[in-house]
Structures are given as C-alpha cells and as structure tokens.
C-alpha cells in the first residue's frame, strides 16, 4: 500500500496544478488584471492596449499599457504592473517608454 501512496499524492497535486492553469482561469486573471489596471490608471475613458506581458511564476507580474484622457483632456499613457501574488497594482508614466507616445 505504501508504494501507491506517493502516486496518489502526485496525482492529487498535479490535478490541482492543472485546474489552476485552465483557459478559464487565465481568462479570469486577464479580466482581473485589466480591471485593476484601468482603475489604478486614474484616466478617463481608459482602455487597455492589446499588447501585454506575462512573466513566469518566479516573477509573478503582469504588465499592461493603459491609454486614456488625463485631467487636462490630453491622451495619456500609463504602464501598469500587477503582482499576481499580492494583487497589488502600480502604475507609472508610459509616455516615451516602449515606443508609446501621446497623440
């Protein structure tokens, strides 16, 4: 019976890992990150630029570029970093970075 216990444990662990990375789970994470970044940007009529970056679990960060109007009614761009572990969001000016410029 002891020989089968490690196999059962490995199967249970792998089943949990497999459900955590389903397409539905990734889609939910994507929506959560987008919503958090849009809110944190503070821009009006904000939208996520389609380019995004996800890092492996060693660096659990999602990056988004948010574009919208600032308080001066000028199109502004923010770079948003979302930490998957802590769910913290940080934004910084994105103008001039990554080849993104105001229109």
Protein backbone atom coordinates (compact mmCIF):
# COMPACT_ATOMS: atom_id res chain seq x y z
CA UNK A 1 0.00 0.00 0.00
CA UNK A 2 2.89 2.38 0.66
CA UNK A 3 4.05 2.15 -2.93
CA UNK A 4 0.75 3.57 -4.17
CA UNK A 5 0.54 6.45 -1.72
CA UNK A 6 3.21 8.59 -3.46
CA UNK A 7 1.45 8.05 -6.77
CA UNK A 8 -1.86 9.16 -5.28
CA UNK A 9 -0.24 12.24 -3.77
CA UNK A 10 1.42 13.16 -7.06
CA UNK A 11 -1.85 12.74 -8.94
CA UNK A 12 -3.69 14.93 -6.44
CA UNK A 13 -1.05 17.64 -6.66
CA UNK A 14 -0.93 17.57 -10.44
CA UNK A 15 -4.72 17.74 -10.66
CA UNK A 16 -4.68 20.90 -8.54
CA UNK A 17 -1.99 22.44 -10.71
CA UNK A 18 -3.84 21.57 -13.89
CA UNK A 19 -7.05 23.26 -12.78
CA UNK A 20 -5.14 26.39 -11.82
CA UNK A 21 -3.94 26.91 -15.39
CA UNK A 22 -7.11 26.23 -17.36
CA UNK A 23 -8.09 28.65 -20.12
CA UNK A 24 -10.98 29.83 -17.96
CA UNK A 25 -8.60 30.60 -15.07
CA UNK A 26 -6.27 32.55 -17.37
CA UNK A 27 -9.23 34.45 -18.81
CA UNK A 28 -10.44 35.34 -15.32
CA UNK A 29 -6.94 36.51 -14.34
CA UNK A 30 -6.75 38.61 -17.50
CA UNK A 31 -10.07 40.32 -16.71
CA UNK A 32 -8.98 40.91 -13.10
CA UNK A 33 -5.66 42.46 -14.17
CA UNK A 34 -7.30 44.65 -16.82
CA UNK A 35 -9.93 45.92 -14.38
CA UNK A 36 -7.31 46.67 -11.70
CA UNK A 37 -5.05 48.49 -14.17
CA UNK A 38 -7.89 50.56 -15.62
CA UNK A 39 -8.91 51.66 -12.14
CA UNK A 40 -5.36 52.37 -10.95
CA UNK A 41 -4.54 54.47 -14.02
CA UNK A 42 -6.95 57.23 -12.99
CA UNK A 43 -7.57 58.02 -16.66
CA UNK A 44 -10.97 58.80 -18.17
CA UNK A 45 -12.21 56.59 -20.99
CA UNK A 46 -9.28 54.32 -20.25
CA UNK A 47 -8.63 51.26 -22.38
CA UNK A 48 -6.05 48.52 -22.37
CA UNK A 49 -3.67 48.48 -25.34
CA UNK A 50 -3.76 44.91 -26.73
CA UNK A 51 -0.05 44.27 -26.11
CA UNK A 52 0.52 42.61 -22.75
CA UNK A 53 3.27 40.74 -20.97
CA UNK A 54 3.05 37.88 -18.50
CA UNK A 55 6.03 36.54 -16.63
CA UNK A 56 6.57 33.05 -15.19
CA UNK A 57 5.67 32.28 -11.59
CA UNK A 58 9.22 33.11 -10.44
CA UNK A 59 8.36 36.74 -11.26
CA UNK A 60 4.56 36.83 -10.86
CA UNK A 61 3.96 40.06 -12.71
CA UNK A 62 1.51 41.05 -15.43
CA UNK A 63 2.18 44.19 -17.47
CA UNK A 64 -0.41 46.27 -19.29
CA UNK A 65 -0.38 49.56 -21.16
CA UNK A 66 -3.37 51.78 -20.41
CA UNK A 67 -4.41 54.70 -22.60
CA UNK A 68 -7.00 57.35 -21.77
CA UNK A 69 -7.55 61.01 -21.06
CA UNK A 70 -5.86 62.75 -18.14
CA UNK A 71 -7.30 65.71 -16.21
CA UNK A 72 -6.13 68.11 -18.90
CA UNK A 73 -8.12 66.23 -21.57
CA UNK A 74 -4.88 65.07 -23.17
CA UNK A 75 -4.39 61.46 -24.24
CA UNK A 76 -2.11 59.89 -21.70
CA UNK A 77 -0.42 56.50 -21.45
CA UNK A 78 0.36 54.59 -18.25
CA UNK A 79 2.37 51.44 -17.75
CA UNK A 80 0.71 49.14 -15.21
CA UNK A 81 2.34 46.30 -13.26
CA UNK A 82 0.11 43.80 -11.43
CA UNK A 83 1.59 41.39 -8.87
CA UNK A 84 -0.30 38.09 -9.09
CA UNK A 85 0.70 37.01 -5.57
CA UNK A 86 -0.20 40.17 -3.64
CA UNK A 87 -2.74 41.55 -6.17
CA UNK A 88 -1.07 44.94 -5.89
CA UNK A 89 -1.14 47.34 -8.82
CA UNK A 90 1.43 50.01 -9.62
CA UNK A 91 1.27 52.49 -12.48
CA UNK A 92 3.85 54.82 -13.91
CA UNK A 93 4.03 57.20 -16.83
CA UNK A 94 4.31 55.25 -20.05
CA UNK A 95 4.88 58.15 -22.43
CA UNK A 96 8.13 57.66 -24.30
CA UNK A 97 8.63 54.15 -22.92
CA UNK A 98 8.24 51.10 -25.10
CA UNK A 99 7.81 53.36 -28.12
CA UNK A 100 4.46 54.71 -26.88
CA UNK A 101 3.85 58.44 -27.43
CA UNK A 102 0.96 60.86 -26.94
CA UNK A 103 -1.15 61.58 -29.96
